[in-house]
Amino acid sequence: MLKRLQSPPSNPVEKIDFLHPVTSRLDNGIPVYVLNGSKQEMIRLEVIINHVNYDAQNPLRTMAVSAMLKNGTATRSAREIADTVDYFGAFLDAEYATDHITVTLYALSKHFASVLPVLVDILTASQFPQSEVDIYKRNSKQKLSVSMQKNDFIARKKFAHELFGNTTYGADINENDYDNLEREHMLQYFKEAFVADNFTIIASGKFEENEMETLNAAFGQLKGAEELVLQNQFTFVATEGKRILVERPDAIQSAIRIGMITINRKHPDFPGFSMLSCVLGGYFGSRLMANIREDKGYTYGIGSGILSMKHAGQFYIATEVGTAVCESALEEIYKEIEQLKQQLIPLDELELVRNYMLGSLLGSLENVFSHANKFKNLLFSGLDYDYYERYIKTIKLITPEELKDLANKYLKSDGFIELVVGKK
């Protein structure tokens, strides 16, 4: 009989098994990584296109190309693309990230060969009709205008720019950038980046020999770049500490961003620093939440985290608080940081965070597609599966003394960018 008043037993996470990809190449050399582990007749095909030839004078062209890939090709209109995808019960989307564009196709296995030509078409023959470009520019400017009324949006945008400057990580996009965007810029970028030797393919789901043959027939004959293509390369150095106030006299709340350029996933300290960030503000029971929300009542939510990108990492603390308590909230945030640098984390708190982080990792591996997502983290960072072994080992064995050392090594308040949008 089920005993509802008795909690079920819990056990520590001892081992996590990851599904590894099978690696191959198409006839033209495009690398393909296959994670075949699904009993369902479903396929997810992801084509990853690295950003190339960054132009600080035209920061929107890559983003615009990504947004408009489905808006018409030489042989299909935007409606025909949408109708074909819908007819076969598929899903097609493009996602822009700081280092690459990912074009994703979900399809039933039996319809894979029918919808794959649409994917090839948008990756090789997109036209970006002028009428669609005009609509994109108009809608994007309107969306930007609305977003610029929100303190949180302004803080996130300006914070990235302060850290990373005029790069894909920190470009401070404004309405003039949309005004200066031309169809010719997009066509040129499409020609430079959307070529076979800049494609990487990840296939997951029930992807077997027949599907590989179909994929090779569709992609294996595509040509490489006609001109020199340089993948984006950025070098960042830690910025000096700075306190910035973007004053908005009518603000009811102030948006706060605190952080710095830091290590990314390639660095051996990354797992330990991730755990330190989790203790500080990475889960609902974190120190920042317990203090700023639960005890002081200054905010509904506050958190910290580390973003790992190809050429850098970003440590950040983010929240919104009432303007009357902004200064007090800042004081409490720095107080929590200093405590991590001066005092050892209690073992019971550390054990709670260990279980949370390992449980979150295990819970994120619910199907073959989530296994593919974990593999992408490694692929984008140039790592192998030893990384996850080191990550798990670090989370399980790191000591309070080691975490305190990491806090003093990385959480240097005099090097933080502190940005407040609203009033202090």
Protein backbone atom coordinates (compact mmCIF):
# COMPACT_ATOMS: atom_id res chain seq x y z
CA MET A 1 0.00 0.00 0.00
CA LEU A 2 1.26 3.45 -0.91
CA LYS A 3 2.31 5.42 2.17
CA ARG A 4 1.61 9.00 1.24
CA LEU A 5 3.06 10.45 4.45
CA GLN A 6 6.40 8.74 3.90
CA SER A 7 8.78 10.25 1.37
CA PRO A 8 10.30 7.80 -1.12
CA PRO A 9 13.94 6.82 -0.61
CA SER A 10 16.56 8.87 -2.39
CA ASN A 11 19.88 7.68 -3.72
CA PRO A 12 22.92 9.61 -4.89
CA VAL A 13 23.68 9.82 -8.59
CA GLU A 14 26.54 7.36 -9.09
CA LYS A 15 26.97 7.34 -12.85
CA ILE A 16 25.46 9.02 -15.89
CA ASP A 17 25.65 7.26 -19.23
CA PHE A 18 25.83 9.50 -22.29
CA LEU A 19 24.86 8.44 -25.77
CA HIS A 20 27.88 8.96 -28.03
CA PRO A 21 27.55 9.89 -31.70
CA VAL A 22 28.77 7.91 -34.68
CA THR A 23 30.89 10.19 -36.85
CA SER A 24 31.07 10.12 -40.64
CA ARG A 25 31.42 12.43 -43.61
CA LEU A 26 29.36 13.00 -46.70
CA ASP A 27 30.89 12.72 -50.17
CA ASN A 28 31.89 16.39 -50.11
CA GLY A 29 33.40 16.22 -46.63
CA ILE A 30 30.55 17.65 -44.53
CA PRO A 31 30.92 16.11 -41.04
CA VAL A 32 27.87 14.23 -39.78
CA TYR A 33 27.32 13.14 -36.18
CA VAL A 34 24.56 10.58 -35.69
CA LEU A 35 22.94 9.77 -32.35
CA ASN A 36 20.63 6.90 -33.17
CA GLY A 37 18.75 5.94 -30.05
CA SER A 38 15.03 6.36 -30.52
CA LYS A 39 12.31 3.77 -30.89
CA GLN A 40 9.95 6.39 -32.25
CA GLU A 41 9.85 7.09 -35.98
CA MET A 42 11.15 10.62 -35.53
CA ILE A 43 14.25 12.42 -36.80
CA ARG A 44 15.85 15.71 -35.82
CA LEU A 45 18.37 17.05 -38.29
CA GLU A 46 20.42 20.09 -37.32
CA VAL A 47 22.63 21.98 -39.74
CA ILE A 48 25.08 24.27 -37.94
CA ILE A 49 26.57 27.20 -39.82
CA ASN A 50 29.45 29.01 -38.12
CA HIS A 51 29.50 32.80 -38.21
CA VAL A 52 32.11 34.15 -40.61
CA ASN A 53 33.62 37.43 -41.78
CA TYR A 54 32.16 39.58 -39.01
CA ASP A 55 31.53 43.16 -40.12
CA ALA A 56 31.11 45.63 -37.26
CA GLN A 57 29.60 48.13 -39.71
CA ASN A 58 26.83 45.66 -40.58
CA PRO A 59 26.15 43.84 -37.31
CA LEU A 60 22.65 42.76 -38.33
CA ARG A 61 23.30 40.90 -41.54
CA THR A 62 23.92 37.50 -39.90
CA MET A 63 20.91 37.84 -37.62
CA ALA A 64 18.70 38.97 -40.50
CA VAL A 65 19.79 36.05 -42.68
CA SER A 66 18.90 33.64 -39.89
CA ALA A 67 15.50 35.26 -39.36
CA MET A 68 14.58 35.23 -43.04
CA LEU A 69 15.79 31.85 -44.26
CA LYS A 70 12.21 30.61 -44.65
CA ASN A 71 10.99 33.70 -46.51
CA GLY A 72 11.51 32.45 -50.03
CA THR A 73 14.02 30.76 -52.34
CA ALA A 74 14.60 30.75 -56.08
CA THR A 75 11.96 28.02 -56.50
CA ARG A 76 9.69 28.27 -53.44
CA SER A 77 7.80 31.15 -51.88
CA ALA A 78 7.56 31.56 -48.12
CA ARG A 79 4.04 30.17 -48.24
CA GLU A 80 5.07 27.15 -50.30
CA ILE A 81 7.84 26.39 -47.81
CA ALA A 82 5.42 26.61 -44.88
CA ASP A 83 2.71 24.59 -46.66
CA THR A 84 5.10 21.77 -47.58
CA VAL A 85 6.48 21.52 -44.06
CA ASP A 86 2.97 21.57 -42.56
CA TYR A 87 1.64 19.00 -45.05
CA PHE A 88 4.17 16.42 -43.90
CA GLY A 89 3.71 17.23 -40.22
CA ALA A 90 7.28 18.49 -39.93
CA PHE A 91 8.84 21.47 -38.18
CA LEU A 92 11.53 23.73 -39.62
CA ASP A 93 13.22 26.60 -37.80
CA ALA A 94 16.41 28.65 -37.71
CA GLU A 95 17.99 29.84 -34.48
CA TYR A 96 20.62 32.56 -34.20
CA ALA A 97 23.28 32.26 -31.49
CA THR A 98 26.42 34.24 -30.78
CA ASP A 99 28.75 31.83 -32.62
CA HIS A 100 26.56 30.10 -35.19
CA ILE A 101 23.18 29.62 -36.79
CA THR A 102 21.39 26.30 -36.29
CA VAL A 103 18.73 25.27 -38.81
CA THR A 104 16.63 22.44 -37.39
CA LEU A 105 14.26 20.03 -39.12
CA TYR A 106 11.98 17.68 -37.19
CA ALA A 107 10.25 15.08 -39.35
CA LEU A 108 8.68 11.64 -39.18
CA SER A 109 11.05 9.05 -40.58
CA LYS A 110 8.64 8.14 -43.37
CA HIS A 111 8.50 11.76 -44.55
CA PHE A 112 12.19 12.60 -44.11
CA ALA A 113 12.99 12.23 -47.83
CA SER A 114 10.00 14.39 -48.75
CA VAL A 115 10.85 17.40 -46.59
CA LEU A 116 14.65 17.27 -46.85
CA PRO A 117 14.65 19.07 -50.24
CA VAL A 118 12.99 22.08 -48.56
CA LEU A 119 15.82 22.25 -46.04
CA VAL A 120 18.43 22.02 -48.80
CA ASP A 121 16.61 24.72 -50.75
CA ILE A 122 16.61 27.30 -47.97
CA LEU A 123 20.27 26.56 -47.19
CA THR A 124 21.43 26.96 -50.78
CA ALA A 125 18.95 29.19 -52.63
CA SER A 126 17.37 31.68 -50.23
CA GLN A 127 16.63 34.97 -51.98
CA PHE A 128 15.52 37.35 -49.22
CA PRO A 129 12.90 39.19 -51.32
CA GLN A 130 13.03 42.95 -50.90
CA SER A 131 9.41 43.09 -49.78
CA GLU A 132 10.17 40.59 -47.01
CA VAL A 133 13.31 42.50 -46.01
CA ASP A 134 11.26 45.69 -45.69
CA ILE A 135 8.72 43.92 -43.48
CA TYR A 136 11.50 42.41 -41.35
CA LYS A 137 13.14 45.81 -40.84
CA ARG A 138 9.88 47.52 -39.98
CA ASN A 139 8.74 44.83 -37.54
CA SER A 140 12.16 44.56 -35.91
CA LYS A 141 12.38 48.31 -35.36
CA GLN A 142 8.95 48.29 -33.78
CA LYS A 143 9.91 45.38 -31.53
CA LEU A 144 13.13 47.14 -30.55
CA SER A 145 11.23 50.34 -29.76
CA VAL A 146 8.90 48.44 -27.43
CA SER A 147 11.75 46.52 -25.80
CA MET A 148 13.70 49.72 -25.15
CA GLN A 149 10.94 50.75 -22.74
CA LYS A 150 11.89 47.82 -20.49
CA ASN A 151 14.69 48.33 -18.00
CA ASP A 152 15.63 44.66 -18.02
CA PHE A 153 16.12 44.63 -21.80
CA ILE A 154 18.25 47.79 -21.71
CA ALA A 155 20.37 46.37 -18.90
CA ARG A 156 20.99 43.06 -20.67
CA LYS A 157 21.85 44.83 -23.94
CA LYS A 158 24.17 47.45 -22.45
CA PHE A 159 25.81 44.97 -20.09
CA ALA A 160 26.84 42.72 -23.00
CA HIS A 161 28.17 45.72 -24.90
CA GLU A 162 30.25 46.89 -21.94
CA LEU A 163 31.85 43.44 -21.71
CA PHE A 164 32.31 42.50 -25.34
CA GLY A 165 32.13 45.70 -27.37
CA ASN A 166 31.29 45.68 -31.08
CA THR A 167 31.32 41.91 -31.59
CA THR A 168 28.59 39.32 -32.05
CA TYR A 169 28.65 38.95 -28.27
CA GLY A 170 28.03 42.60 -27.50
CA ALA A 171 26.88 44.61 -30.54
CA ASP A 172 24.66 47.47 -29.37
CA ILE A 173 21.95 47.21 -32.03
CA ASN A 174 19.87 50.34 -32.65
CA GLU A 175 17.32 51.53 -35.19
CA ASN A 176 20.02 52.96 -37.45
CA ASP A 177 21.45 49.47 -37.88
CA TYR A 178 18.10 48.32 -39.27
CA ASP A 179 17.92 51.38 -41.52
CA ASN A 180 21.38 50.55 -42.88
CA LEU A 181 20.59 46.88 -43.49
CA GLU A 182 20.38 46.16 -47.21
CA ARG A 183 19.32 43.06 -49.10
CA GLU A 184 22.73 43.03 -50.79
CA HIS A 185 24.42 42.69 -47.38
CA MET A 186 22.34 39.61 -46.66
CA LEU A 187 22.92 38.01 -50.04
CA GLN A 188 26.66 38.53 -49.68
CA TYR A 189 26.73 36.96 -46.23
CA PHE A 190 24.60 34.05 -47.42
CA LYS A 191 27.10 33.44 -50.21
CA GLU A 192 30.03 33.55 -47.77
CA ALA A 193 28.64 31.43 -44.93
CA PHE A 194 26.13 29.00 -46.40
CA VAL A 195 28.59 26.69 -48.15
CA ALA A 196 29.37 23.01 -47.68
CA ASP A 197 32.70 23.50 -45.93
CA ASN A 198 30.96 25.65 -43.27
CA PHE A 199 28.22 23.09 -42.55
CA THR A 200 28.16 20.63 -39.66
CA ILE A 201 25.26 18.19 -39.39
CA ILE A 202 23.92 16.48 -36.27
CA ALA A 203 21.25 13.83 -36.81
CA SER A 204 19.38 12.31 -33.90
CA GLY A 205 16.39 10.06 -33.44
CA LYS A 206 15.77 6.98 -35.57
CA PHE A 207 18.40 7.76 -38.16
CA GLU A 208 19.66 4.66 -39.93
CA GLU A 209 21.44 3.67 -43.14
CA ASN A 210 18.59 4.62 -45.48
CA GLU A 211 18.35 8.08 -43.95
CA MET A 212 22.11 8.53 -44.26
CA GLU A 213 21.94 7.67 -47.96
CA THR A 214 19.11 10.18 -48.39
CA LEU A 215 21.11 12.81 -46.57
CA ASN A 216 24.21 12.18 -48.67
CA ALA A 217 22.22 12.42 -51.89
CA ALA A 218 20.82 15.78 -50.80
CA PHE A 219 23.89 17.40 -49.18
CA GLY A 220 26.85 15.37 -50.42
CA GLN A 221 27.17 17.20 -53.74
CA LEU A 222 27.02 20.76 -52.43
CA LYS A 223 30.01 22.94 -53.24
CA GLY A 224 32.41 24.72 -50.94
CA ALA A 225 33.23 28.41 -50.69
CA GLU A 226 34.26 30.32 -53.80
CA GLU A 227 35.93 33.06 -51.75
CA LEU A 228 38.05 33.15 -48.61
CA VAL A 229 35.91 32.53 -45.54
CA LEU A 230 37.22 33.34 -42.07
CA GLN A 231 35.35 32.04 -39.05
CA ASN A 232 34.89 34.78 -36.47
CA GLN A 233 37.79 35.09 -34.05
CA PHE A 234 37.60 37.36 -31.02
CA THR A 235 40.07 37.94 -28.21
CA PHE A 236 38.77 39.44 -25.00
CA VAL A 237 40.55 40.69 -21.91
CA ALA A 238 39.01 41.24 -18.52
CA THR A 239 37.61 44.74 -18.22
CA GLU A 240 38.34 47.10 -15.36
CA GLY A 241 35.62 47.50 -12.77
CA LYS A 242 33.03 50.09 -13.60
CA ARG A 243 29.81 51.39 -12.05
CA ILE A 244 27.22 52.54 -14.58
CA LEU A 245 23.82 54.12 -13.98
CA VAL A 246 21.37 54.51 -16.85
CA GLU A 247 18.95 56.85 -15.14
CA ARG A 248 15.25 56.65 -15.90
CA PRO A 249 13.46 59.15 -13.65
CA ASP A 250 10.01 57.56 -14.00
CA ALA A 251 11.20 54.05 -13.21
CA ILE A 252 9.38 52.05 -10.55
CA GLN A 253 11.91 49.23 -10.66
CA SER A 254 15.62 49.18 -11.37
CA ALA A 255 17.27 46.43 -13.38
CA ILE A 256 20.63 45.30 -12.02
CA ARG A 257 23.41 43.47 -13.87
CA ILE A 258 26.71 42.66 -12.20
CA GLY A 259 29.45 40.54 -13.71
CA MET A 260 32.55 40.18 -15.80
CA ILE A 261 34.28 38.33 -18.62
CA THR A 262 35.35 34.97 -17.29
CA ILE A 263 36.39 31.43 -18.24
CA ASN A 264 34.37 29.23 -20.58
CA ARG A 265 33.78 25.49 -20.66
CA LYS A 266 37.29 24.77 -21.95
CA HIS A 267 38.92 25.88 -18.70
CA PRO A 268 39.55 23.19 -16.05
CA ASP A 269 38.07 25.44 -13.35
CA PHE A 270 34.72 25.70 -15.15
CA PRO A 271 32.89 22.84 -13.33
CA GLY A 272 33.95 24.12 -9.92
CA PHE A 273 33.14 27.73 -10.78
CA SER A 274 29.73 26.57 -12.05
CA MET A 275 29.07 24.98 -8.68
CA LEU A 276 30.15 28.14 -6.88
CA SER A 277 27.75 30.16 -9.05
CA CYS A 278 24.98 27.69 -8.24
CA VAL A 279 25.55 28.17 -4.52
CA LEU A 280 25.42 31.92 -5.00
CA GLY A 281 22.40 32.22 -7.26
CA GLY A 282 21.88 29.19 -9.48
CA TYR A 283 18.76 27.59 -7.98
CA PHE A 284 15.68 28.57 -6.00
CA GLY A 285 17.28 27.87 -2.64
CA SER A 286 20.48 29.79 -3.47
CA ARG A 287 22.00 32.39 -1.17
CA LEU A 288 20.91 35.34 -3.28
CA MET A 289 17.33 34.06 -3.40
CA ALA A 290 17.30 33.32 0.33
CA ASN A 291 18.59 36.79 1.18
CA ILE A 292 17.28 39.22 -1.47
CA ARG A 293 13.90 37.57 -2.04
CA GLU A 294 12.97 35.46 0.95
CA ASP A 295 14.50 37.50 3.77
CA LYS A 296 14.52 41.09 2.49
CA GLY A 297 11.65 40.92 0.01
CA TYR A 298 13.46 43.20 -2.44
CA THR A 299 12.67 41.18 -5.58
CA TYR A 300 10.62 38.37 -7.02
CA GLY A 301 13.63 36.68 -8.53
CA ILE A 302 17.41 36.94 -8.64
CA GLY A 303 20.03 34.63 -10.05
CA SER A 304 23.60 34.18 -11.14
CA GLY A 305 25.10 32.10 -13.91
CA ILE A 306 27.95 31.50 -16.32
CA LEU A 307 27.50 31.68 -20.08
CA SER A 308 30.04 29.63 -22.02
CA MET A 309 30.68 30.87 -25.55
CA LYS A 310 33.29 29.91 -28.10
CA HIS A 311 35.74 32.73 -27.38
CA ALA A 312 34.87 33.76 -23.82
CA GLY A 313 32.67 33.20 -20.81
CA GLN A 314 30.41 35.59 -18.95
CA PHE A 315 29.62 35.56 -15.25
CA TYR A 316 26.52 37.55 -14.33
CA ILE A 317 24.10 38.36 -11.52
CA ALA A 318 20.71 39.65 -12.64
CA THR A 319 17.62 40.96 -10.91
CA GLU A 320 15.02 43.73 -10.82
CA VAL A 321 14.22 45.51 -7.57
CA GLY A 322 12.15 48.46 -6.42
CA THR A 323 14.01 51.74 -6.88
CA ALA A 324 13.71 52.53 -3.18
CA VAL A 325 15.72 49.43 -2.23
CA CYS A 326 18.21 49.37 -5.11
CA GLU A 327 21.18 50.49 -3.05
CA SER A 328 20.30 48.06 -0.27
CA ALA A 329 19.97 45.20 -2.74
CA LEU A 330 23.40 45.97 -4.18
CA GLU A 331 24.90 45.96 -0.70
CA GLU A 332 23.39 42.57 0.06
CA ILE A 333 24.60 41.11 -3.25
CA TYR A 334 28.19 42.13 -2.54
CA LYS A 335 27.83 40.88 1.03
CA GLU A 336 26.91 37.40 -0.25
CA ILE A 337 29.89 37.42 -2.59
CA GLU A 338 32.27 38.39 0.20
CA GLN A 339 30.94 35.64 2.44
CA LEU A 340 31.84 33.06 -0.21
CA LYS A 341 35.36 34.47 -0.27
CA GLN A 342 35.80 34.56 3.50
CA GLN A 343 33.80 31.64 4.90
CA LEU A 344 33.59 27.93 4.07
CA ILE A 345 30.32 26.65 2.65
CA PRO A 346 28.65 24.35 5.22
CA LEU A 347 28.70 20.68 4.25
CA ASP A 348 24.92 20.27 4.38
CA GLU A 349 24.45 23.19 1.98
CA LEU A 350 27.16 21.81 -0.30
CA GLU A 351 25.52 18.39 -0.33
CA LEU A 352 22.20 19.96 -1.31
CA VAL A 353 23.83 21.74 -4.25
CA ARG A 354 25.66 18.58 -5.31
CA ASN A 355 22.38 16.68 -5.47
CA TYR A 356 20.66 19.53 -7.27
CA MET A 357 23.32 19.86 -9.98
CA LEU A 358 23.74 16.13 -10.58
CA GLY A 359 19.98 15.62 -10.55
CA SER A 360 19.52 18.45 -13.02
CA LEU A 361 22.11 16.94 -15.34
CA LEU A 362 20.53 13.51 -15.12
CA GLY A 363 17.04 14.93 -15.58
CA SER A 364 18.11 16.80 -18.70
CA LEU A 365 18.87 13.51 -20.48
CA GLU A 366 15.32 12.41 -21.08
CA ASN A 367 15.62 11.34 -24.73
CA VAL A 368 17.98 11.07 -27.68
CA PHE A 369 17.45 14.72 -28.61
CA SER A 370 18.63 15.91 -25.19
CA HIS A 371 21.68 13.65 -25.53
CA ALA A 372 22.36 15.41 -28.83
CA ASN A 373 22.14 18.76 -27.02
CA LYS A 374 24.81 17.64 -24.56
CA PHE A 375 27.01 16.57 -27.44
CA LYS A 376 26.61 19.99 -29.05
CA ASN A 377 28.03 21.61 -25.91
CA LEU A 378 31.16 19.52 -26.43
CA LEU A 379 31.32 20.10 -30.16
CA PHE A 380 31.02 23.88 -29.88
CA SER A 381 33.72 23.94 -27.19
CA GLY A 382 36.15 21.55 -28.87
CA LEU A 383 35.85 19.03 -26.02
CA ASP A 384 35.22 15.31 -25.72
CA TYR A 385 33.12 13.26 -23.32
CA ASP A 386 35.91 13.32 -20.74
CA TYR A 387 34.58 16.78 -19.93
CA TYR A 388 31.37 15.34 -18.47
CA GLU A 389 33.38 12.79 -16.45
CA ARG A 390 35.47 15.61 -15.00
CA TYR A 391 32.34 17.72 -14.41
CA ILE A 392 30.58 14.95 -12.48
CA LYS A 393 33.72 14.11 -10.52
CA THR A 394 34.20 17.76 -9.57
CA ILE A 395 30.60 18.20 -8.43
CA LYS A 396 30.81 15.05 -6.29
CA LEU A 397 34.23 15.66 -4.72
CA ILE A 398 34.98 19.38 -4.59
CA THR A 399 35.59 20.65 -1.06
CA PRO A 400 34.50 23.83 0.72
CA GLU A 401 38.15 24.93 0.78
CA GLU A 402 38.47 24.56 -2.99
CA LEU A 403 35.27 26.53 -3.55
CA LYS A 404 36.52 29.30 -1.30
CA ASP A 405 39.74 29.43 -3.33
CA LEU A 406 37.70 29.69 -6.55
CA ALA A 407 35.64 32.51 -5.05
CA ASN A 408 38.78 34.49 -4.28
CA LYS A 409 40.23 33.70 -7.69
CA TYR A 410 37.23 34.68 -9.82
CA LEU A 411 34.76 36.77 -7.81
CA LYS A 412 36.83 39.94 -7.63
CA SER A 413 34.36 42.73 -7.00
CA ASP A 414 36.76 45.46 -8.09
CA GLY A 415 36.71 43.93 -11.58
CA PHE A 416 32.91 43.74 -11.89
CA ILE A 417 30.84 45.75 -14.29
CA GLU A 418 27.91 46.98 -12.22
CA LEU A 419 25.03 48.29 -14.32
CA VAL A 420 21.79 49.75 -12.99
CA VAL A 421 18.97 50.86 -15.28
CA GLY A 422 16.36 52.93 -13.43
CA LYS A 423 17.15 54.73 -10.19
CA LYS A 424 19.47 54.04 -7.25
